[in-house]
Amino acid sequence: MKKPELIIRPGPSGDPLLRGVCSYCPDATFVIVGDIEENRRVIQEMFDRHFKTVHMDEEATQAAGGS
């Protein structure tokens, strides 16, 4: 199984909206409005927390012989 990753989708040109989604969880979205460069760091942190709480458990289960 490929490792889940953060996909960043910027808003329309000139729009300060930055939206990220988990490549495996369509309902896991991360949205921030404001400075784009600072937001990239913040949105990565939000995804990292999501990954640790959702996907680390999945990887541990698979490593232990689960499906």
PDB file of N, CA and C in Angstrom:
ATOM      1  N   MET A   1       0.844  -1.175   0.000  1.00  0.00           N
ATOM      2  CA  MET A   1       0.000   0.000   0.000  1.00  0.00           C
ATOM      3  C   MET A   1       0.888   1.236   0.000  1.00  0.00           C
ATOM      4  N   LYS A   2       0.581   2.180  -0.874  1.00  0.00           N
ATOM      5  CA  LYS A   2       1.335   3.420  -0.949  1.00  0.00           C
ATOM      6  C   LYS A   2       1.011   4.292   0.266  1.00  0.00           C
ATOM      7  N   LYS A   3       2.021   4.947   0.789  1.00  0.00           N
ATOM      8  CA  LYS A   3       1.873   5.802   1.965  1.00  0.00           C
ATOM      9  C   LYS A   3       0.986   7.012   1.638  1.00  0.00           C
ATOM     10  N   PRO A   4       0.003   7.322   2.496  1.00  0.00           N
ATOM     11  CA  PRO A   4      -0.832   8.502   2.277  1.00  0.00           C
ATOM     12  C   PRO A   4       0.027   9.768   2.264  1.00  0.00           C
ATOM     13  N   GLU A   5      -0.380  10.733   1.460  1.00  0.00           N
ATOM     14  CA  GLU A   5       0.376  11.965   1.378  1.00  0.00           C
ATOM     15  C   GLU A   5      -0.558  13.167   1.313  1.00  0.00           C
ATOM     16  N   LEU A   6       0.003  14.321   1.594  1.00  0.00           N
ATOM     17  CA  LEU A   6      -0.728  15.576   1.544  1.00  0.00           C
ATOM     18  C   LEU A   6      -0.764  16.072   0.108  1.00  0.00           C
ATOM     19  N   ILE A   7      -1.958  16.411  -0.357  1.00  0.00           N
ATOM     20  CA  ILE A   7      -2.120  17.014  -1.678  1.00  0.00           C
ATOM     21  C   ILE A   7      -2.614  18.433  -1.444  1.00  0.00           C
ATOM     22  N   ILE A   8      -1.854  19.427  -1.911  1.00  0.00           N
ATOM     23  CA  ILE A   8      -2.223  20.824  -1.721  1.00  0.00           C
ATOM     24  C   ILE A   8      -2.864  21.348  -2.991  1.00  0.00           C
ATOM     25  N   ARG A   9      -4.022  21.979  -2.798  1.00  0.00           N
ATOM     26  CA  ARG A   9      -4.756  22.560  -3.918  1.00  0.00           C
ATOM     27  C   ARG A   9      -4.971  24.045  -3.624  1.00  0.00           C
ATOM     28  N   PRO A  10      -4.215  24.907  -4.271  1.00  0.00           N
ATOM     29  CA  PRO A  10      -4.392  26.342  -4.035  1.00  0.00           C
ATOM     30  C   PRO A  10      -5.736  26.816  -4.572  1.00  0.00           C
ATOM     31  N   GLY A  11      -6.212  27.913  -4.009  1.00  0.00           N
ATOM     32  CA  GLY A  11      -7.451  28.516  -4.488  1.00  0.00           C
ATOM     33  C   GLY A  11      -7.221  29.187  -5.829  1.00  0.00           C
ATOM     34  N   PRO A  12      -8.266  29.822  -6.367  1.00  0.00           N
ATOM     35  CA  PRO A  12      -8.109  30.551  -7.632  1.00  0.00           C
ATOM     36  C   PRO A  12      -7.018  31.610  -7.525  1.00  0.00           C
ATOM     37  N   SER A  13      -6.445  31.981  -8.644  1.00  0.00           N
ATOM     38  CA  SER A  13      -5.347  32.945  -8.678  1.00  0.00           C
ATOM     39  C   SER A  13      -5.690  34.194  -7.873  1.00  0.00           C
ATOM     40  N   GLY A  14      -4.779  34.572  -6.980  1.00  0.00           N
ATOM     41  CA  GLY A  14      -4.982  35.742  -6.157  1.00  0.00           C
ATOM     42  C   GLY A  14      -5.788  35.483  -4.901  1.00  0.00           C
ATOM     43  N   ASP A  15      -6.377  34.295  -4.774  1.00  0.00           N
ATOM     44  CA  ASP A  15      -7.176  33.929  -3.604  1.00  0.00           C
ATOM     45  C   ASP A  15      -6.239  33.412  -2.519  1.00  0.00           C
ATOM     46  N   PRO A  16      -6.343  33.930  -1.299  1.00  0.00           N
ATOM     47  CA  PRO A  16      -5.439  33.493  -0.232  1.00  0.00           C
ATOM     48  C   PRO A  16      -5.807  32.147   0.392  1.00  0.00           C
ATOM     49  N   LEU A  17      -6.763  31.441  -0.198  1.00  0.00           N
ATOM     50  CA  LEU A  17      -7.197  30.145   0.327  1.00  0.00           C
ATOM     51  C   LEU A  17      -6.210  29.051  -0.076  1.00  0.00           C
ATOM     52  N   LEU A  18      -5.838  28.234   0.886  1.00  0.00           N
ATOM     53  CA  LEU A  18      -4.988  27.075   0.619  1.00  0.00           C
ATOM     54  C   LEU A  18      -5.708  25.863   1.180  1.00  0.00           C
ATOM     55  N   ARG A  19      -5.895  24.832   0.363  1.00  0.00           N
ATOM     56  CA  ARG A  19      -6.633  23.652   0.794  1.00  0.00           C
ATOM     57  C   ARG A  19      -5.772  22.424   0.572  1.00  0.00           C
ATOM     58  N   GLY A  20      -5.722  21.574   1.578  1.00  0.00           N
ATOM     59  CA  GLY A  20      -5.001  20.320   1.465  1.00  0.00           C
ATOM     60  C   GLY A  20      -5.941  19.164   1.745  1.00  0.00           C
ATOM     61  N   VAL A  21      -5.660  18.024   1.135  1.00  0.00           N
ATOM     62  CA  VAL A  21      -6.445  16.818   1.372  1.00  0.00           C
ATOM     63  C   VAL A  21      -5.496  15.644   1.560  1.00  0.00           C
ATOM     64  N   CYS A  22      -5.966  14.630   2.274  1.00  0.00           N
ATOM     65  CA  CYS A  22      -5.220  13.388   2.412  1.00  0.00           C
ATOM     66  C   CYS A  22      -5.491  12.551   1.165  1.00  0.00           C
ATOM     67  N   SER A  23      -4.455  11.976   0.587  1.00  0.00           N
ATOM     68  CA  SER A  23      -4.626  11.184  -0.635  1.00  0.00           C
ATOM     69  C   SER A  23      -5.470   9.927  -0.409  1.00  0.00           C
ATOM     70  N   TYR A  24      -5.651   9.492   0.843  1.00  0.00           N
ATOM     71  CA  TYR A  24      -6.445   8.301   1.142  1.00  0.00           C
ATOM     72  C   TYR A  24      -7.788   8.592   1.785  1.00  0.00           C
ATOM     73  N   CYS A  25      -7.941   9.765   2.378  1.00  0.00           N
ATOM     74  CA  CYS A  25      -9.160  10.093   3.127  1.00  0.00           C
ATOM     75  C   CYS A  25      -9.842  11.301   2.501  1.00  0.00           C
ATOM     76  N   PRO A  26     -10.804  11.110   1.614  1.00  0.00           N
ATOM     77  CA  PRO A  26     -11.421  12.238   0.923  1.00  0.00           C
ATOM     78  C   PRO A  26     -12.107  13.230   1.863  1.00  0.00           C
ATOM     79  N   ASP A  27     -12.490  12.782   3.051  1.00  0.00           N
ATOM     80  CA  ASP A  27     -13.147  13.685   3.999  1.00  0.00           C
ATOM     81  C   ASP A  27     -12.155  14.436   4.877  1.00  0.00           C
ATOM     82  N   ALA A  28     -10.884  14.112   4.806  1.00  0.00           N
ATOM     83  CA  ALA A  28      -9.866  14.788   5.616  1.00  0.00           C
ATOM     84  C   ALA A  28      -9.324  15.967   4.817  1.00  0.00           C
ATOM     85  N   THR A  29      -9.901  17.129   5.053  1.00  0.00           N
ATOM     86  CA  THR A  29      -9.451  18.336   4.360  1.00  0.00           C
ATOM     87  C   THR A  29      -8.901  19.328   5.370  1.00  0.00           C
ATOM     88  N   PHE A  30      -7.952  20.125   4.923  1.00  0.00           N
ATOM     89  CA  PHE A  30      -7.277  21.093   5.757  1.00  0.00           C
ATOM     90  C   PHE A  30      -7.294  22.421   5.001  1.00  0.00           C
ATOM     91  N   VAL A  31      -7.989  23.414   5.548  1.00  0.00           N
ATOM     92  CA  VAL A  31      -8.167  24.683   4.842  1.00  0.00           C
ATOM     93  C   VAL A  31      -7.657  25.839   5.689  1.00  0.00           C
ATOM     94  N   ILE A  32      -6.907  26.734   5.045  1.00  0.00           N
ATOM     95  CA  ILE A  32      -6.374  27.912   5.717  1.00  0.00           C
ATOM     96  C   ILE A  32      -6.478  29.095   4.766  1.00  0.00           C
ATOM     97  N   VAL A  33      -6.763  30.265   5.328  1.00  0.00           N
ATOM     98  CA  VAL A  33      -6.800  31.502   4.543  1.00  0.00           C
ATOM     99  C   VAL A  33      -5.719  32.425   5.094  1.00  0.00           C
ATOM    100  N   GLY A  34      -4.968  33.045   4.213  1.00  0.00           N
ATOM    101  CA  GLY A  34      -3.951  33.997   4.659  1.00  0.00           C
ATOM    102  C   GLY A  34      -2.672  33.853   3.850  1.00  0.00           C
ATOM    103  N   ASP A  35      -1.531  34.131   4.487  1.00  0.00           N
ATOM    104  CA  ASP A  35      -0.218  34.080   3.852  1.00  0.00           C
ATOM    105  C   ASP A  35       0.079  32.671   3.343  1.00  0.00           C
ATOM    106  N   ILE A  36       0.264  32.520   2.049  1.00  0.00           N
ATOM    107  CA  ILE A  36       0.416  31.200   1.419  1.00  0.00           C
ATOM    108  C   ILE A  36       1.635  30.442   1.941  1.00  0.00           C
ATOM    109  N   GLU A  37       2.795  31.075   2.040  1.00  0.00           N
ATOM    110  CA  GLU A  37       4.001  30.362   2.477  1.00  0.00           C
ATOM    111  C   GLU A  37       3.879  29.884   3.919  1.00  0.00           C
ATOM    112  N   GLU A  38       3.405  30.730   4.799  1.00  0.00           N
ATOM    113  CA  GLU A  38       3.200  30.323   6.193  1.00  0.00           C
ATOM    114  C   GLU A  38       2.156  29.215   6.264  1.00  0.00           C
ATOM    115  N   ASN A  39       1.128  29.325   5.439  1.00  0.00           N
ATOM    116  CA  ASN A  39       0.059  28.329   5.449  1.00  0.00           C
ATOM    117  C   ASN A  39       0.530  26.960   4.986  1.00  0.00           C
ATOM    118  N   ARG A  40       1.480  26.923   4.075  1.00  0.00           N
ATOM    119  CA  ARG A  40       2.012  25.620   3.634  1.00  0.00           C
ATOM    120  C   ARG A  40       2.629  24.875   4.823  1.00  0.00           C
ATOM    121  N   ARG A  41       3.336  25.595   5.677  1.00  0.00           N
ATOM    122  CA  ARG A  41       3.926  24.983   6.861  1.00  0.00           C
ATOM    123  C   ARG A  41       2.826  24.512   7.813  1.00  0.00           C
ATOM    124  N   VAL A  42       1.836  25.359   8.047  1.00  0.00           N
ATOM    125  CA  VAL A  42       0.747  25.030   8.973  1.00  0.00           C
ATOM    126  C   VAL A  42      -0.083  23.865   8.447  1.00  0.00           C
ATOM    127  N   ILE A  43      -0.392  23.871   7.162  1.00  0.00           N
ATOM    128  CA  ILE A  43      -1.213  22.801   6.591  1.00  0.00           C
ATOM    129  C   ILE A  43      -0.447  21.472   6.611  1.00  0.00           C
ATOM    130  N   GLN A  44       0.874  21.523   6.453  1.00  0.00           N
ATOM    131  CA  GLN A  44       1.683  20.301   6.561  1.00  0.00           C
ATOM    132  C   GLN A  44       1.612  19.755   7.984  1.00  0.00           C
ATOM    133  N   GLU A  45       1.662  20.635   8.977  1.00  0.00           N
ATOM    134  CA  GLU A  45       1.546  20.203  10.372  1.00  0.00           C
ATOM    135  C   GLU A  45       0.183  19.562  10.637  1.00  0.00           C
ATOM    136  N   MET A  46      -0.880  20.143  10.057  1.00  0.00           N
ATOM    137  CA  MET A  46      -2.222  19.581  10.228  1.00  0.00           C
ATOM    138  C   MET A  46      -2.294  18.172   9.630  1.00  0.00           C
ATOM    139  N   PHE A  47      -1.726  18.004   8.431  1.00  0.00           N
ATOM    140  CA  PHE A  47      -1.708  16.690   7.790  1.00  0.00           C
ATOM    141  C   PHE A  47      -0.877  15.703   8.590  1.00  0.00           C
ATOM    142  N   ASP A  48       0.272  16.151   9.108  1.00  0.00           N
ATOM    143  CA  ASP A  48       1.130  15.265   9.895  1.00  0.00           C
ATOM    144  C   ASP A  48       0.383  14.719  11.114  1.00  0.00           C
ATOM    145  N   ARG A  49      -0.401  15.574  11.777  1.00  0.00           N
ATOM    146  CA  ARG A  49      -1.199  15.108  12.920  1.00  0.00           C
ATOM    147  C   ARG A  49      -2.241  14.093  12.461  1.00  0.00           C
ATOM    148  N   HIS A  50      -2.914  14.359  11.336  1.00  0.00           N
ATOM    149  CA  HIS A  50      -3.884  13.422  10.766  1.00  0.00           C
ATOM    150  C   HIS A  50      -3.206  12.090  10.463  1.00  0.00           C
ATOM    151  N   PHE A  51      -2.054  12.138   9.812  1.00  0.00           N
ATOM    152  CA  PHE A  51      -1.341  10.924   9.441  1.00  0.00           C
ATOM    153  C   PHE A  51      -1.004  10.089  10.672  1.00  0.00           C
ATOM    154  N   LYS A  52      -0.503  10.742  11.712  1.00  0.00           N
ATOM    155  CA  LYS A  52      -0.124  10.018  12.928  1.00  0.00           C
ATOM    156  C   LYS A  52      -1.321   9.387  13.617  1.00  0.00           C
ATOM    157  N   THR A  53      -2.457  10.066  13.635  1.00  0.00           N
ATOM    158  CA  THR A  53      -3.617   9.530  14.347  1.00  0.00           C
ATOM    159  C   THR A  53      -4.396   8.510  13.528  1.00  0.00           C
ATOM    160  N   VAL A  54      -4.365   8.601  12.206  1.00  0.00           N
ATOM    161  CA  VAL A  54      -5.150   7.689  11.364  1.00  0.00           C
ATOM    162  C   VAL A  54      -4.285   6.619  10.716  1.00  0.00           C
ATOM    163  N   HIS A  55      -3.229   7.007  10.057  1.00  0.00           N
ATOM    164  CA  HIS A  55      -2.484   6.084   9.212  1.00  0.00           C
ATOM    165  C   HIS A  55      -1.363   5.336   9.917  1.00  0.00           C
ATOM    166  N   MET A  56      -0.820   5.859  10.993  1.00  0.00           N
ATOM    167  CA  MET A  56       0.222   5.128  11.716  1.00  0.00           C
ATOM    168  C   MET A  56      -0.360   3.847  12.302  1.00  0.00           C
ATOM    169  N   ASP A  57      -1.598   3.898  12.801  1.00  0.00           N
ATOM    170  CA  ASP A  57      -2.251   2.704  13.320  1.00  0.00           C
ATOM    171  C   ASP A  57      -2.469   1.676  12.222  1.00  0.00           C
ATOM    172  N   GLU A  58      -2.829   2.139  11.024  1.00  0.00           N
ATOM    173  CA  GLU A  58      -3.026   1.232   9.888  1.00  0.00           C
ATOM    174  C   GLU A  58      -1.724   0.528   9.524  1.00  0.00           C
ATOM    175  N   GLU A  59      -0.617   1.281   9.492  1.00  0.00           N
ATOM    176  CA  GLU A  59       0.673   0.706   9.149  1.00  0.00           C
ATOM    177  C   GLU A  59       1.112  -0.310  10.186  1.00  0.00           C
ATOM    178  N   ALA A  60       0.866  -0.017  11.461  1.00  0.00           N
ATOM    179  CA  ALA A  60       1.241  -0.943  12.539  1.00  0.00           C
ATOM    180  C   ALA A  60       0.448  -2.239  12.405  1.00  0.00           C
ATOM    181  N   THR A  61      -0.830  -2.137  12.076  1.00  0.00           N
ATOM    182  CA  THR A  61      -1.679  -3.317  11.906  1.00  0.00           C
ATOM    183  C   THR A  61      -1.180  -4.166  10.752  1.00  0.00           C
ATOM    184  N   GLN A  62      -0.825  -3.522   9.634  1.00  0.00           N
ATOM    185  CA  GLN A  62      -0.337  -4.257   8.472  1.00  0.00           C
ATOM    186  C   GLN A  62       1.010  -4.909   8.768  1.00  0.00           C
ATOM    187  N   ALA A  63       1.879  -4.223   9.481  1.00  0.00           N
ATOM    188  CA  ALA A  63       3.187  -4.763   9.804  1.00  0.00           C
ATOM    189  C   ALA A  63       3.064  -5.976  10.720  1.00  0.00           C
ATOM    190  N   ALA A  64       2.007  -6.014  11.518  1.00  0.00           N
ATOM    191  CA  ALA A  64       1.792  -7.118  12.450  1.00  0.00           C
ATOM    192  C   ALA A  64       1.102  -8.310  11.790  1.00  0.00           C
ATOM    193  N   GLY A  65       0.839  -8.171  10.478  1.00  0.00           N
ATOM    194  CA  GLY A  65       0.234  -9.298   9.754  1.00  0.00           C
ATOM    195  C   GLY A  65      -1.230  -9.093   9.431  1.00  0.00           C
ATOM    196  N   GLY A  66      -1.765  -7.902   9.727  1.00  0.00           N
ATOM    197  CA  GLY A  66      -3.155  -7.595   9.362  1.00  0.00           C
ATOM    198  C   GLY A  66      -3.249  -7.329   7.888  1.00  0.00           C
ATOM    199  N   SER A  67      -4.434  -7.053   7.398  1.00  0.00           N
ATOM    200  CA  SER A  67      -4.602  -6.807   5.966  1.00  0.00           C
ATOM    201  C   SER A  67      -4.548  -5.371   5.615  1.00  0.00           C
TER     202      SER A  67
END
